[in-house]
Every structure is written in C-alpha cells, then in structure tokens.
C-alpha cells in the first residue's frame, strides 16, 4: 500500500526538492526502506547506520509519534501520512 512521507524543507534537497515522496510498506520501517531505495541520500539523513531513527529526528504516523507506538515496527494498515520533523535547537 502506498503512503506519503512529508519532508521538512531542509531534507527536500535529498528528494529532488519535493515536499513529499511516496513509499510502500506495511510498517514505518518498510516504508523508509522503500523510500531509501529511491532516495539513498535521504535515507542516510533519517536513519542511523544501525537502522534506527536518530534521537533528533521525529517521525509521526498520522500525527502520532512512532516513539510511543512501536517505532519503525509500527504497523500501517491503510494508506497513511508519515511526517518527518528534525529537532531544532538554537537560541
């Protein structure tokens, strides 16, 4: 099933400037893997070398933080929207 992955402005350069990409998968991790095959530079920004989501990257499945669900193993049962939001620091 096809999902939309929404990207923040800073990561769009790795997706040809697009504000979102589509990906297939029955879990968030599978959707990220599918996206990574087409956009490897984007995947390297969203996943650590061990395949986990870095602490400074927030991922939401239909407005729910996957950290409070099952992380990358969170199942996706219908076409959904995955939103990526990197943490911002400064002052």
C-alpha atoms as a PDB file:
ATOM      1  CA  UNK A   1       0.000   0.000   0.000  1.00  0.00           C
ATOM      2  CA  UNK A   2       1.241   3.499  -0.862  1.00  0.00           C
ATOM      3  CA  UNK A   3       1.998   6.107   1.809  1.00  0.00           C
ATOM      4  CA  UNK A   4       3.010   9.763   1.675  1.00  0.00           C
ATOM      5  CA  UNK A   5       6.162  10.800   3.535  1.00  0.00           C
ATOM      6  CA  UNK A   6       6.172  14.554   4.226  1.00  0.00           C
ATOM      7  CA  UNK A   7       9.600  16.178   4.347  1.00  0.00           C
ATOM      8  CA  UNK A   8      10.773  19.374   6.026  1.00  0.00           C
ATOM      9  CA  UNK A   9      12.424  21.993   3.845  1.00  0.00           C
ATOM     10  CA  UNK A  10      15.945  21.107   4.978  1.00  0.00           C
ATOM     11  CA  UNK A  11      15.627  17.500   3.736  1.00  0.00           C
ATOM     12  CA  UNK A  12      13.943  18.214   0.403  1.00  0.00           C
ATOM     13  CA  UNK A  13      17.288  18.645  -1.342  1.00  0.00           C
ATOM     14  CA  UNK A  14      17.771  14.877  -0.929  1.00  0.00           C
ATOM     15  CA  UNK A  15      14.444  14.202  -2.677  1.00  0.00           C
ATOM     16  CA  UNK A  16      14.876  16.378  -5.744  1.00  0.00           C
ATOM     17  CA  UNK A  17      13.259  19.346  -3.992  1.00  0.00           C
ATOM     18  CA  UNK A  18       9.941  17.565  -3.439  1.00  0.00           C
ATOM     19  CA  UNK A  19       7.988  18.323  -0.264  1.00  0.00           C
ATOM     20  CA  UNK A  20       6.846  14.712  -0.071  1.00  0.00           C
ATOM     21  CA  UNK A  21       7.643  11.309  -1.511  1.00  0.00           C
ATOM     22  CA  UNK A  22       5.627   8.130  -1.713  1.00  0.00           C
ATOM     23  CA  UNK A  23       6.636   4.744  -0.371  1.00  0.00           C
ATOM     24  CA  UNK A  24       5.146   1.291   0.104  1.00  0.00           C
ATOM     25  CA  UNK A  25       5.273  -0.844   3.223  1.00  0.00           C
ATOM     26  CA  UNK A  26       3.253  -2.495   5.945  1.00  0.00           C
ATOM     27  CA  UNK A  27       5.357  -0.825   8.682  1.00  0.00           C
ATOM     28  CA  UNK A  28       7.029   2.556   9.014  1.00  0.00           C
ATOM     29  CA  UNK A  29      10.413   0.826   8.668  1.00  0.00           C
ATOM     30  CA  UNK A  30       9.373  -0.886   5.429  1.00  0.00           C
ATOM     31  CA  UNK A  31       8.150   2.450   4.057  1.00  0.00           C
ATOM     32  CA  UNK A  32      11.506   4.046   4.974  1.00  0.00           C
ATOM     33  CA  UNK A  33      13.353   1.156   3.294  1.00  0.00           C
ATOM     34  CA  UNK A  34      11.298   1.570   0.128  1.00  0.00           C
ATOM     35  CA  UNK A  35      11.951   5.321   0.147  1.00  0.00           C
ATOM     36  CA  UNK A  36      15.662   4.672   0.753  1.00  0.00           C
ATOM     37  CA  UNK A  37      15.974   2.583  -2.405  1.00  0.00           C
ATOM     38  CA  UNK A  38      14.922   5.590  -4.468  1.00  0.00           C
ATOM     39  CA  UNK A  39      16.469   8.308  -2.303  1.00  0.00           C
ATOM     40  CA  UNK A  40      19.557   6.853  -0.572  1.00  0.00           C
ATOM     41  CA  UNK A  41      20.857  10.278   0.500  1.00  0.00           C
ATOM     42  CA  UNK A  42      17.527  10.994   2.179  1.00  0.00           C
ATOM     43  CA  UNK A  43      17.546   7.645   3.974  1.00  0.00           C
ATOM     44  CA  UNK A  44      21.040   8.355   5.308  1.00  0.00           C
ATOM     45  CA  UNK A  45      19.671  11.541   6.915  1.00  0.00           C
ATOM     46  CA  UNK A  46      16.712   9.762   8.515  1.00  0.00           C
ATOM     47  CA  UNK A  47      18.358   6.608   9.833  1.00  0.00           C
ATOM     48  CA  UNK A  48      21.480   5.874  11.845  1.00  0.00           C
ATOM     49  CA  UNK A  49      23.952   3.301  10.449  1.00  0.00           C
ATOM     50  CA  UNK A  50      22.335   0.668  12.694  1.00  0.00           C
ATOM     51  CA  UNK A  51      18.959   1.357  11.049  1.00  0.00           C
ATOM     52  CA  UNK A  52      17.373   3.232  13.964  1.00  0.00           C
ATOM     53  CA  UNK A  53      15.855   6.709  13.897  1.00  0.00           C
ATOM     54  CA  UNK A  54      18.259   9.281  15.423  1.00  0.00           C
ATOM     55  CA  UNK A  55      17.028  10.983  18.599  1.00  0.00           C
ATOM     56  CA  UNK A  56      16.935  14.352  16.811  1.00  0.00           C
ATOM     57  CA  UNK A  57      14.539  13.091  14.105  1.00  0.00           C
ATOM     58  CA  UNK A  58      10.851  12.929  14.996  1.00  0.00           C
ATOM     59  CA  UNK A  59       8.616  10.672  12.927  1.00  0.00           C
ATOM     60  CA  UNK A  60       4.836  10.815  13.072  1.00  0.00           C
ATOM     61  CA  UNK A  61       2.356   8.361  11.598  1.00  0.00           C
ATOM     62  CA  UNK A  62      -0.931  10.190  11.072  1.00  0.00           C
ATOM     63  CA  UNK A  63       0.002  12.685  13.831  1.00  0.00           C
ATOM     64  CA  UNK A  64       1.140  10.016  16.329  1.00  0.00           C
ATOM     65  CA  UNK A  65       4.804   9.919  17.377  1.00  0.00           C
ATOM     66  CA  UNK A  66       6.148   6.467  16.460  1.00  0.00           C
ATOM     67  CA  UNK A  67       8.377   6.526  19.571  1.00  0.00           C
ATOM     68  CA  UNK A  68       5.208   5.986  21.613  1.00  0.00           C
ATOM     69  CA  UNK A  69       3.969   3.275  19.286  1.00  0.00           C
ATOM     70  CA  UNK A  70       6.321   0.533  18.047  1.00  0.00           C
ATOM     71  CA  UNK A  71       9.000   2.705  16.464  1.00  0.00           C
ATOM     72  CA  UNK A  72       9.948   1.594  12.965  1.00  0.00           C
ATOM     73  CA  UNK A  73       7.955  -1.607  13.568  1.00  0.00           C
ATOM     74  CA  UNK A  74       4.729   0.405  13.831  1.00  0.00           C
ATOM     75  CA  UNK A  75       2.225  -1.268  11.510  1.00  0.00           C
ATOM     76  CA  UNK A  76       0.477   0.703   8.787  1.00  0.00           C
ATOM     77  CA  UNK A  77      -2.895  -0.794   7.899  1.00  0.00           C
ATOM     78  CA  UNK A  78      -4.188   1.812   5.454  1.00  0.00           C
ATOM     79  CA  UNK A  79      -2.700   4.439   3.130  1.00  0.00           C
ATOM     80  CA  UNK A  80      -1.205   6.918   5.588  1.00  0.00           C
ATOM     81  CA  UNK A  81       0.840  10.051   6.020  1.00  0.00           C
ATOM     82  CA  UNK A  82       4.255   9.864   7.642  1.00  0.00           C
ATOM     83  CA  UNK A  83       5.707  13.213   8.691  1.00  0.00           C
ATOM     84  CA  UNK A  84       9.412  13.735   9.381  1.00  0.00           C
ATOM     85  CA  UNK A  85      10.404  16.628  11.645  1.00  0.00           C
ATOM     86  CA  UNK A  86      14.012  17.122  12.729  1.00  0.00           C
ATOM     87  CA  UNK A  87      14.503  18.702  16.132  1.00  0.00           C
ATOM     88  CA  UNK A  88      15.611  22.306  16.007  1.00  0.00           C
ATOM     89  CA  UNK A  89      17.981  23.851  18.538  1.00  0.00           C
ATOM     90  CA  UNK A  90      19.394  27.266  18.906  1.00  0.00           C
ATOM     91  CA  UNK A  91      18.914  30.423  20.767  1.00  0.00           C
END
